[in-house]
């Protein structure tokens, strides 16, 4: 079976609808997915940005929120702009990595649903604990594992690795396309 990496950031708006449909799309094509959380914050900081480009450029932000509203409506997904935006996704990303790979998609979709569906901030330990408990997992154990040095190191490594996976690729028609992952 073919396999693909799905790189995602919980604070990324477009990752929300992508995460809700990627498994069905991959399964329909016989592709196994590997869910790979990473952090955009350090990448933006390395480029000199202290905030999301959607906040730094109001016109770009307005367009993105309108576009995201259309996408979510077409997929039947709830959408409420998180406050603050972007939310701190560090804990959620660490927890995703602390989970077994087979539980990561369920957790990740639940985090996105909470974040963009109007629930408490995903940066809050209690919000993440509630998601884990709803999945019948021991929230304390998972949160402790997420706070461990190996998980922190893994997330740093994934985040450093991610920019190198941005590359130009030839499309079937000979044109060039940017791809992630």
N, C-alpha and C. Protein backbone atom coordinates (compact mmCIF):
# COMPACT_ATOMS: atom_id res chain seq x y z
N UNK A 1 0.84 -1.18 0.00
CA UNK A 1 0.00 0.00 0.00
C UNK A 1 0.89 1.24 0.00
N UNK A 2 0.51 2.20 -0.79
CA UNK A 2 1.23 3.47 -0.82
C UNK A 2 0.99 4.21 0.50
N UNK A 3 1.91 5.09 0.85
CA UNK A 3 1.79 5.84 2.10
C UNK A 3 2.11 7.31 1.84
N UNK A 4 1.54 8.15 2.69
CA UNK A 4 1.80 9.59 2.59
C UNK A 4 1.83 10.18 4.00
N UNK A 5 2.64 11.21 4.16
CA UNK A 5 2.70 11.96 5.41
C UNK A 5 1.72 13.13 5.32
N UNK A 6 0.92 13.30 6.35
CA UNK A 6 0.03 14.45 6.45
C UNK A 6 0.60 15.36 7.53
N UNK A 7 1.29 16.42 7.09
CA UNK A 7 1.88 17.40 8.00
C UNK A 7 0.80 18.42 8.34
N UNK A 8 0.64 18.71 9.62
CA UNK A 8 -0.41 19.65 10.02
C UNK A 8 0.00 20.40 11.27
N UNK A 9 -0.58 21.59 11.40
CA UNK A 9 -0.37 22.47 12.55
C UNK A 9 -1.74 22.82 13.09
N UNK A 10 -1.97 22.60 14.38
CA UNK A 10 -3.29 22.85 14.95
C UNK A 10 -3.73 24.30 14.81
N UNK A 11 -2.82 25.24 14.74
CA UNK A 11 -3.18 26.65 14.59
C UNK A 11 -3.44 27.02 13.13
N UNK A 12 -3.21 26.09 12.21
CA UNK A 12 -3.39 26.36 10.79
C UNK A 12 -4.85 26.23 10.39
N UNK A 13 -5.38 27.29 9.86
CA UNK A 13 -6.79 27.30 9.48
C UNK A 13 -7.11 26.27 8.40
N UNK A 14 -6.30 26.20 7.37
CA UNK A 14 -6.61 25.29 6.27
C UNK A 14 -6.36 23.83 6.63
N UNK A 15 -5.56 23.58 7.65
CA UNK A 15 -5.38 22.20 8.10
C UNK A 15 -6.65 21.65 8.72
N UNK A 16 -7.50 22.52 9.25
CA UNK A 16 -8.76 22.07 9.86
C UNK A 16 -9.62 21.30 8.86
N UNK A 17 -10.08 21.90 7.76
CA UNK A 17 -10.91 21.11 6.83
C UNK A 17 -10.12 19.97 6.18
N UNK A 18 -8.84 20.16 5.98
CA UNK A 18 -8.04 19.07 5.38
C UNK A 18 -8.04 17.85 6.29
N UNK A 19 -7.91 18.09 7.60
CA UNK A 19 -7.86 16.97 8.54
C UNK A 19 -9.18 16.21 8.60
N UNK A 20 -10.25 16.88 8.29
CA UNK A 20 -11.56 16.25 8.37
C UNK A 20 -11.89 15.39 7.16
N UNK A 21 -11.14 15.56 6.08
CA UNK A 21 -11.47 14.77 4.89
C UNK A 21 -10.33 13.95 4.34
N UNK A 22 -9.12 14.13 4.85
CA UNK A 22 -7.97 13.47 4.24
C UNK A 22 -7.99 11.95 4.36
N UNK A 23 -8.47 11.42 5.48
CA UNK A 23 -8.47 9.97 5.63
C UNK A 23 -9.37 9.29 4.60
N UNK A 24 -10.57 9.82 4.41
CA UNK A 24 -11.48 9.23 3.43
C UNK A 24 -10.89 9.33 2.02
N UNK A 25 -10.28 10.46 1.70
CA UNK A 25 -9.67 10.61 0.38
C UNK A 25 -8.51 9.64 0.19
N UNK A 26 -7.68 9.51 1.21
CA UNK A 26 -6.54 8.60 1.13
C UNK A 26 -7.02 7.15 1.01
N UNK A 27 -8.00 6.78 1.82
CA UNK A 27 -8.51 5.40 1.80
C UNK A 27 -9.11 5.07 0.44
N UNK A 28 -9.79 6.03 -0.18
CA UNK A 28 -10.41 5.78 -1.48
C UNK A 28 -9.38 5.55 -2.58
N UNK A 29 -8.14 5.93 -2.29
CA UNK A 29 -7.06 5.75 -3.26
C UNK A 29 -6.02 4.72 -2.79
N UNK A 30 -6.34 4.04 -1.69
CA UNK A 30 -5.44 3.01 -1.19
C UNK A 30 -4.14 3.55 -0.61
N UNK A 31 -4.21 4.71 0.01
CA UNK A 31 -3.01 5.34 0.57
C UNK A 31 -3.12 5.35 2.09
N UNK A 32 -2.10 4.85 2.77
CA UNK A 32 -2.03 4.91 4.23
C UNK A 32 -1.47 6.27 4.63
N UNK A 33 -2.02 6.85 5.69
CA UNK A 33 -1.58 8.17 6.14
C UNK A 33 -0.77 8.07 7.41
N UNK A 34 0.23 8.93 7.51
CA UNK A 34 1.00 9.11 8.73
C UNK A 34 0.77 10.57 9.15
N UNK A 35 0.10 10.77 10.28
CA UNK A 35 -0.22 12.10 10.78
C UNK A 35 1.01 12.67 11.46
N UNK A 36 1.49 13.84 10.99
CA UNK A 36 2.75 14.43 11.45
C UNK A 36 2.53 15.87 11.93
N UNK A 37 2.25 16.07 13.22
CA UNK A 37 2.11 17.43 13.72
C UNK A 37 3.46 18.15 13.78
N UNK A 38 3.42 19.44 13.59
CA UNK A 38 4.61 20.30 13.71
C UNK A 38 4.13 21.67 14.13
N UNK A 39 5.05 22.59 14.36
CA UNK A 39 4.71 23.94 14.79
C UNK A 39 5.13 24.97 13.75
N UNK A 40 4.21 25.86 13.41
CA UNK A 40 4.53 26.95 12.49
C UNK A 40 5.21 28.12 13.19
N UNK A 41 4.95 28.32 14.47
CA UNK A 41 5.50 29.47 15.19
C UNK A 41 7.00 29.62 15.03
N UNK A 42 7.80 28.57 15.28
CA UNK A 42 9.24 28.70 15.11
C UNK A 42 9.65 28.99 13.65
N UNK A 43 8.87 28.47 12.71
CA UNK A 43 9.16 28.72 11.30
C UNK A 43 8.89 30.18 10.97
N UNK A 44 7.75 30.71 11.44
CA UNK A 44 7.44 32.14 11.24
C UNK A 44 8.49 33.01 11.92
N UNK A 45 8.88 32.65 13.14
CA UNK A 45 9.87 33.44 13.88
C UNK A 45 11.19 33.49 13.12
N UNK A 46 11.59 32.38 12.52
CA UNK A 46 12.84 32.34 11.76
C UNK A 46 12.77 33.26 10.53
N UNK A 47 11.55 33.55 10.08
CA UNK A 47 11.35 34.45 8.94
C UNK A 47 11.11 35.89 9.40
N UNK A 48 11.20 36.12 10.71
CA UNK A 48 11.03 37.46 11.23
C UNK A 48 9.61 37.85 11.55
N UNK A 49 8.68 36.88 11.58
CA UNK A 49 7.28 37.17 11.88
C UNK A 49 6.98 36.84 13.33
N UNK A 50 6.33 37.75 14.03
CA UNK A 50 5.95 37.53 15.43
C UNK A 50 4.50 37.08 15.56
N UNK A 51 3.81 36.92 14.44
CA UNK A 51 2.39 36.58 14.45
C UNK A 51 2.06 35.86 13.15
N UNK A 52 0.82 35.41 13.05
CA UNK A 52 0.35 34.77 11.83
C UNK A 52 0.36 35.77 10.67
N UNK A 53 0.75 35.35 9.49
CA UNK A 53 0.66 36.24 8.33
C UNK A 53 -0.77 36.76 8.11
N UNK A 54 -1.76 35.97 8.55
CA UNK A 54 -3.15 36.41 8.40
C UNK A 54 -3.51 37.54 9.35
N UNK A 55 -2.77 37.69 10.43
CA UNK A 55 -2.96 38.83 11.33
C UNK A 55 -2.09 40.01 10.91
N UNK A 56 -0.92 39.72 10.37
CA UNK A 56 0.00 40.78 9.96
C UNK A 56 -0.48 41.50 8.71
N UNK A 57 -1.22 40.80 7.87
CA UNK A 57 -1.75 41.38 6.63
C UNK A 57 -3.28 41.27 6.68
N UNK A 58 -3.97 42.32 7.15
CA UNK A 58 -5.43 42.25 7.34
C UNK A 58 -6.21 41.85 6.08
N UNK A 59 -5.78 42.30 4.91
CA UNK A 59 -6.50 41.93 3.68
C UNK A 59 -6.38 40.43 3.44
N UNK A 60 -5.20 39.89 3.63
CA UNK A 60 -4.99 38.45 3.48
C UNK A 60 -5.84 37.70 4.51
N UNK A 61 -5.89 38.21 5.73
CA UNK A 61 -6.68 37.58 6.78
C UNK A 61 -8.17 37.57 6.47
N UNK A 62 -8.68 38.70 5.99
CA UNK A 62 -10.11 38.76 5.63
C UNK A 62 -10.44 37.76 4.53
N UNK A 63 -9.56 37.69 3.53
CA UNK A 63 -9.79 36.74 2.44
C UNK A 63 -9.78 35.31 2.97
N UNK A 64 -8.78 34.99 3.80
CA UNK A 64 -8.66 33.63 4.32
C UNK A 64 -9.89 33.24 5.11
N UNK A 65 -10.39 34.11 6.01
CA UNK A 65 -11.56 33.76 6.81
C UNK A 65 -12.79 33.56 5.93
N UNK A 66 -12.96 34.38 4.91
CA UNK A 66 -14.07 34.19 3.97
C UNK A 66 -13.94 32.89 3.20
N UNK A 67 -12.73 32.61 2.75
CA UNK A 67 -12.47 31.37 2.02
C UNK A 67 -12.72 30.16 2.91
N UNK A 68 -12.23 30.23 4.14
CA UNK A 68 -12.42 29.12 5.08
C UNK A 68 -13.90 28.92 5.39
N UNK A 69 -14.66 30.01 5.50
CA UNK A 69 -16.10 29.90 5.74
C UNK A 69 -16.76 29.14 4.59
N UNK A 70 -16.40 29.46 3.36
CA UNK A 70 -16.98 28.77 2.20
C UNK A 70 -16.60 27.29 2.20
N UNK A 71 -15.34 26.99 2.49
CA UNK A 71 -14.88 25.60 2.50
C UNK A 71 -15.62 24.82 3.59
N UNK A 72 -15.66 25.36 4.79
CA UNK A 72 -16.31 24.66 5.90
C UNK A 72 -17.80 24.48 5.65
N UNK A 73 -18.46 25.48 5.09
CA UNK A 73 -19.88 25.35 4.77
C UNK A 73 -20.10 24.23 3.75
N UNK A 74 -19.24 24.15 2.76
CA UNK A 74 -19.39 23.10 1.74
C UNK A 74 -19.18 21.71 2.31
N UNK A 75 -18.43 21.60 3.41
CA UNK A 75 -18.16 20.31 4.05
C UNK A 75 -19.05 20.05 5.25
N UNK A 76 -19.90 21.01 5.60
CA UNK A 76 -20.76 20.85 6.77
C UNK A 76 -20.01 20.92 8.08
N UNK A 77 -18.91 21.67 8.10
CA UNK A 77 -18.10 21.81 9.31
C UNK A 77 -18.42 23.12 10.02
N UNK A 78 -18.48 23.09 11.36
CA UNK A 78 -18.68 24.34 12.09
C UNK A 78 -17.45 25.22 11.96
N UNK A 79 -17.64 26.52 12.02
CA UNK A 79 -16.51 27.43 11.99
C UNK A 79 -16.82 28.66 12.84
N UNK A 80 -16.03 28.81 13.88
CA UNK A 80 -16.02 30.03 14.69
C UNK A 80 -14.57 30.44 14.81
N UNK A 81 -14.31 31.69 14.55
CA UNK A 81 -12.93 32.17 14.65
C UNK A 81 -12.44 32.02 16.09
N UNK A 82 -11.34 31.29 16.29
CA UNK A 82 -10.81 31.14 17.65
C UNK A 82 -10.36 32.49 18.20
N UNK A 83 -10.55 32.65 19.50
CA UNK A 83 -10.10 33.86 20.17
C UNK A 83 -9.25 33.44 21.36
N UNK A 84 -7.97 33.70 21.32
CA UNK A 84 -7.24 34.46 20.30
C UNK A 84 -6.94 33.60 19.07
N UNK A 85 -6.58 34.26 18.01
CA UNK A 85 -6.10 33.57 16.82
C UNK A 85 -4.72 34.11 16.48
N UNK A 86 -3.77 33.22 16.25
CA UNK A 86 -3.87 31.77 16.40
C UNK A 86 -3.79 31.35 17.86
N UNK A 87 -4.36 30.20 18.14
CA UNK A 87 -4.27 29.67 19.49
C UNK A 87 -2.92 28.98 19.69
N UNK A 88 -2.51 28.90 20.94
CA UNK A 88 -1.25 28.22 21.26
C UNK A 88 -1.46 26.72 21.05
N UNK A 89 -0.74 26.14 20.12
CA UNK A 89 -0.94 24.74 19.75
C UNK A 89 0.16 23.82 20.29
N UNK A 90 1.06 24.35 21.10
CA UNK A 90 2.19 23.56 21.58
C UNK A 90 1.74 22.30 22.34
N UNK A 91 0.86 22.45 23.31
CA UNK A 91 0.42 21.30 24.09
C UNK A 91 -0.29 20.28 23.21
N UNK A 92 -1.18 20.73 22.35
CA UNK A 92 -1.91 19.81 21.47
C UNK A 92 -0.95 19.02 20.58
N UNK A 93 0.07 19.69 20.04
CA UNK A 93 1.03 19.01 19.17
C UNK A 93 1.83 17.97 19.96
N UNK A 94 2.24 18.33 21.17
CA UNK A 94 2.97 17.36 22.00
C UNK A 94 2.09 16.17 22.34
N UNK A 95 0.84 16.42 22.69
CA UNK A 95 -0.07 15.32 23.02
C UNK A 95 -0.27 14.43 21.80
N UNK A 96 -0.44 15.02 20.63
CA UNK A 96 -0.62 14.21 19.42
C UNK A 96 0.57 13.25 19.24
N UNK A 97 1.77 13.75 19.47
CA UNK A 97 2.95 12.89 19.34
C UNK A 97 3.05 11.87 20.45
N UNK A 98 2.49 12.17 21.62
CA UNK A 98 2.54 11.24 22.75
C UNK A 98 1.57 10.07 22.58
N UNK A 99 0.60 10.23 21.71
CA UNK A 99 -0.39 9.18 21.48
C UNK A 99 0.13 8.13 20.50
N UNK A 100 -0.42 6.93 20.60
CA UNK A 100 -0.13 5.92 19.60
C UNK A 100 -0.61 6.45 18.25
N UNK A 101 0.09 6.10 17.20
CA UNK A 101 -0.23 6.61 15.86
C UNK A 101 -1.67 6.33 15.46
N UNK A 102 -2.24 5.23 15.92
CA UNK A 102 -3.61 4.91 15.52
C UNK A 102 -4.65 5.77 16.23
N UNK A 103 -4.29 6.45 17.33
CA UNK A 103 -5.21 7.35 18.03
C UNK A 103 -5.01 8.80 17.62
N UNK A 104 -3.90 9.10 16.97
CA UNK A 104 -3.56 10.48 16.60
C UNK A 104 -4.60 11.15 15.69
N UNK A 105 -5.12 10.46 14.67
CA UNK A 105 -6.12 11.14 13.82
C UNK A 105 -7.38 11.53 14.58
N UNK A 106 -7.90 10.64 15.42
CA UNK A 106 -9.10 10.94 16.20
C UNK A 106 -8.87 12.13 17.12
N UNK A 107 -7.74 12.11 17.82
CA UNK A 107 -7.40 13.23 18.70
C UNK A 107 -7.28 14.53 17.90
N UNK A 108 -6.58 14.47 16.80
CA UNK A 108 -6.34 15.68 16.01
C UNK A 108 -7.64 16.27 15.49
N UNK A 109 -8.52 15.43 14.99
CA UNK A 109 -9.82 15.95 14.52
C UNK A 109 -10.61 16.56 15.67
N UNK A 110 -10.54 15.94 16.85
CA UNK A 110 -11.26 16.48 18.01
C UNK A 110 -10.69 17.84 18.42
N UNK A 111 -9.38 18.00 18.35
CA UNK A 111 -8.76 19.29 18.67
C UNK A 111 -9.22 20.35 17.67
N UNK A 112 -9.20 20.02 16.38
CA UNK A 112 -9.66 20.99 15.38
C UNK A 112 -11.12 21.35 15.59
N UNK A 113 -11.96 20.36 15.90
CA UNK A 113 -13.38 20.63 16.13
C UNK A 113 -13.56 21.56 17.32
N UNK A 114 -12.79 21.32 18.37
CA UNK A 114 -12.86 22.20 19.54
C UNK A 114 -12.38 23.60 19.19
N UNK A 115 -11.25 23.68 18.53
CA UNK A 115 -10.65 24.98 18.24
C UNK A 115 -11.51 25.83 17.31
N UNK A 116 -12.01 25.23 16.25
CA UNK A 116 -12.76 26.00 15.26
C UNK A 116 -14.27 25.88 15.44
N UNK A 117 -14.70 25.14 16.48
CA UNK A 117 -16.12 25.00 16.78
C UNK A 117 -16.56 25.82 17.96
N UNK A 118 -15.65 26.59 18.56
CA UNK A 118 -16.01 27.50 19.62
C UNK A 118 -15.79 27.00 21.03
N UNK A 119 -15.08 25.90 21.21
CA UNK A 119 -14.80 25.37 22.55
C UNK A 119 -13.69 26.20 23.21
N UNK A 120 -13.38 25.91 24.48
CA UNK A 120 -12.27 26.62 25.14
C UNK A 120 -10.96 26.45 24.37
N UNK A 121 -10.04 27.35 24.61
CA UNK A 121 -8.76 27.38 23.89
C UNK A 121 -8.02 26.06 23.99
N UNK A 122 -7.50 25.60 22.86
CA UNK A 122 -6.71 24.36 22.85
C UNK A 122 -5.37 24.53 23.54
N UNK A 123 -5.02 25.75 23.89
CA UNK A 123 -3.81 25.99 24.66
C UNK A 123 -3.99 25.69 26.13
N UNK A 124 -5.23 25.45 26.55
CA UNK A 124 -5.54 25.17 27.95
C UNK A 124 -5.45 23.67 28.22
N UNK A 125 -4.72 23.33 29.25
CA UNK A 125 -4.55 21.93 29.63
C UNK A 125 -5.90 21.24 29.86
N UNK A 126 -6.85 21.94 30.49
CA UNK A 126 -8.16 21.35 30.77
C UNK A 126 -8.91 21.00 29.48
N UNK A 127 -8.78 21.82 28.45
CA UNK A 127 -9.45 21.55 27.18
C UNK A 127 -8.88 20.29 26.53
N UNK A 128 -7.56 20.15 26.56
CA UNK A 128 -6.92 18.96 25.99
C UNK A 128 -7.26 17.73 26.82
N UNK A 129 -7.27 17.88 28.15
CA UNK A 129 -7.63 16.76 29.03
C UNK A 129 -9.05 16.28 28.74
N UNK A 130 -9.97 17.21 28.50
CA UNK A 130 -11.36 16.84 28.20
C UNK A 130 -11.45 16.04 26.90
N UNK A 131 -10.67 16.42 25.92
CA UNK A 131 -10.65 15.68 24.65
C UNK A 131 -10.13 14.26 24.88
N UNK A 132 -9.05 14.14 25.64
CA UNK A 132 -8.48 12.82 25.92
C UNK A 132 -9.47 11.95 26.70
N UNK A 133 -10.14 12.54 27.68
CA UNK A 133 -11.11 11.79 28.47
C UNK A 133 -12.29 11.35 27.61
N UNK A 134 -12.72 12.19 26.68
CA UNK A 134 -13.81 11.82 25.77
C UNK A 134 -13.40 10.65 24.87
N UNK A 135 -12.11 10.48 24.68
CA UNK A 135 -11.59 9.36 23.89
C UNK A 135 -11.34 8.13 24.77
N UNK A 136 -11.74 8.21 26.04
CA UNK A 136 -11.54 7.13 27.02
C UNK A 136 -10.06 6.84 27.26
N UNK A 137 -9.25 7.90 27.24
CA UNK A 137 -7.82 7.79 27.54
C UNK A 137 -7.56 8.39 28.91
N UNK A 138 -6.50 7.96 29.55
CA UNK A 138 -6.10 8.51 30.84
C UNK A 138 -5.39 9.83 30.58
N UNK A 139 -6.11 10.93 30.77
CA UNK A 139 -5.58 12.25 30.43
C UNK A 139 -4.29 12.55 31.19
N UNK A 140 -4.23 12.22 32.47
CA UNK A 140 -3.04 12.49 33.26
C UNK A 140 -1.81 11.79 32.71
N UNK A 141 -1.96 10.53 32.36
CA UNK A 141 -0.83 9.77 31.81
C UNK A 141 -0.37 10.34 30.47
N UNK A 142 -1.33 10.64 29.61
CA UNK A 142 -0.97 11.16 28.28
C UNK A 142 -0.33 12.54 28.41
N UNK A 143 -0.88 13.39 29.26
CA UNK A 143 -0.31 14.73 29.45
C UNK A 143 1.09 14.65 30.05
N UNK A 144 1.31 13.72 30.97
CA UNK A 144 2.65 13.52 31.53
C UNK A 144 3.62 13.08 30.44
N UNK A 145 3.20 12.15 29.59
CA UNK A 145 4.06 11.67 28.50
C UNK A 145 4.36 12.82 27.53
N UNK A 146 3.34 13.67 27.28
CA UNK A 146 3.51 14.80 26.37
C UNK A 146 4.51 15.82 26.90
N UNK A 147 4.67 15.87 28.22
CA UNK A 147 5.60 16.82 28.84
C UNK A 147 7.01 16.25 28.97
N UNK A 148 7.22 15.03 28.51
CA UNK A 148 8.52 14.38 28.66
C UNK A 148 9.54 14.92 27.66
N UNK A 149 10.79 14.81 28.01
CA UNK A 149 11.87 15.29 27.14
C UNK A 149 11.85 14.61 25.76
N UNK A 150 11.62 13.28 25.68
CA UNK A 150 11.61 12.66 24.34
C UNK A 150 10.53 13.23 23.42
N UNK A 151 9.35 13.52 23.95
CA UNK A 151 8.28 14.09 23.11
C UNK A 151 8.63 15.52 22.71
N UNK A 152 9.15 16.30 23.65
CA UNK A 152 9.56 17.67 23.32
C UNK A 152 10.62 17.65 22.23
N UNK A 153 11.60 16.76 22.36
CA UNK A 153 12.65 16.65 21.36
C UNK A 153 12.09 16.22 20.01
N UNK A 154 11.14 15.29 20.03
CA UNK A 154 10.54 14.81 18.78
C UNK A 154 9.81 15.94 18.06
N UNK A 155 9.07 16.76 18.81
CA UNK A 155 8.35 17.86 18.19
C UNK A 155 9.32 18.90 17.62
N UNK A 156 10.39 19.18 18.35
CA UNK A 156 11.41 20.11 17.82
C UNK A 156 11.99 19.56 16.51
N UNK A 157 12.29 18.27 16.51
CA UNK A 157 12.88 17.64 15.31
C UNK A 157 11.89 17.68 14.14
N UNK A 158 10.62 17.41 14.40
CA UNK A 158 9.62 17.45 13.33
C UNK A 158 9.49 18.87 12.78
N UNK A 159 9.51 19.85 13.67
CA UNK A 159 9.37 21.24 13.24
C UNK A 159 10.59 21.68 12.43
N UNK A 160 11.78 21.27 12.85
CA UNK A 160 12.99 21.61 12.07
C UNK A 160 12.97 20.89 10.72
N UNK A 161 12.46 19.70 10.69
CA UNK A 161 12.44 18.90 9.46
C UNK A 161 11.43 19.44 8.46
N UNK A 162 10.33 19.97 8.93
CA UNK A 162 9.24 20.39 8.05
C UNK A 162 9.67 21.36 6.96
N UNK A 163 10.42 22.43 7.25
CA UNK A 163 10.75 23.36 6.16
C UNK A 163 11.53 22.71 5.02
N UNK A 164 12.31 21.69 5.33
CA UNK A 164 13.05 21.02 4.27
C UNK A 164 12.15 20.18 3.38
N UNK A 165 10.91 19.93 3.84
CA UNK A 165 9.98 19.18 3.02
C UNK A 165 9.16 20.08 2.09
N UNK A 166 9.41 21.37 2.13
CA UNK A 166 8.80 22.28 1.16
C UNK A 166 9.70 22.24 -0.07
N UNK A 167 9.15 21.82 -1.15
CA UNK A 167 9.98 21.72 -2.35
C UNK A 167 9.13 21.91 -3.60
N UNK A 168 9.81 22.14 -4.67
CA UNK A 168 9.14 22.28 -5.95
C UNK A 168 9.05 20.90 -6.58
N UNK A 169 7.94 20.59 -7.18
CA UNK A 169 7.76 19.30 -7.82
C UNK A 169 7.13 19.50 -9.18
N UNK A 170 7.50 18.66 -10.13
CA UNK A 170 6.91 18.74 -11.46
C UNK A 170 5.53 18.12 -11.45
N UNK A 171 4.59 18.78 -12.07
CA UNK A 171 3.26 18.21 -12.21
C UNK A 171 3.21 17.40 -13.50
N UNK A 172 2.13 16.68 -13.69
CA UNK A 172 1.99 15.85 -14.89
C UNK A 172 2.03 16.67 -16.17
N UNK A 173 1.57 17.92 -16.08
CA UNK A 173 1.55 18.75 -17.29
C UNK A 173 2.87 19.49 -17.51
N UNK A 174 3.90 19.14 -16.71
CA UNK A 174 5.21 19.75 -16.87
C UNK A 174 5.40 21.03 -16.11
N UNK A 175 4.32 21.57 -15.52
CA UNK A 175 4.43 22.78 -14.72
C UNK A 175 5.05 22.49 -13.37
N UNK A 176 5.27 23.53 -12.60
CA UNK A 176 5.85 23.39 -11.27
C UNK A 176 4.76 23.67 -10.24
N UNK A 177 4.74 22.89 -9.16
CA UNK A 177 3.77 23.08 -8.10
C UNK A 177 4.48 22.98 -6.75
N UNK A 178 4.08 23.81 -5.80
CA UNK A 178 4.58 23.69 -4.44
C UNK A 178 3.81 22.58 -3.75
N UNK A 179 4.53 21.74 -3.01
CA UNK A 179 3.86 20.68 -2.27
C UNK A 179 4.41 20.66 -0.84
N UNK A 180 3.61 20.23 0.07
CA UNK A 180 4.01 20.02 1.46
C UNK A 180 4.04 18.54 1.72
N UNK A 181 5.04 18.12 2.52
CA UNK A 181 5.04 16.74 2.98
C UNK A 181 5.85 15.80 2.18
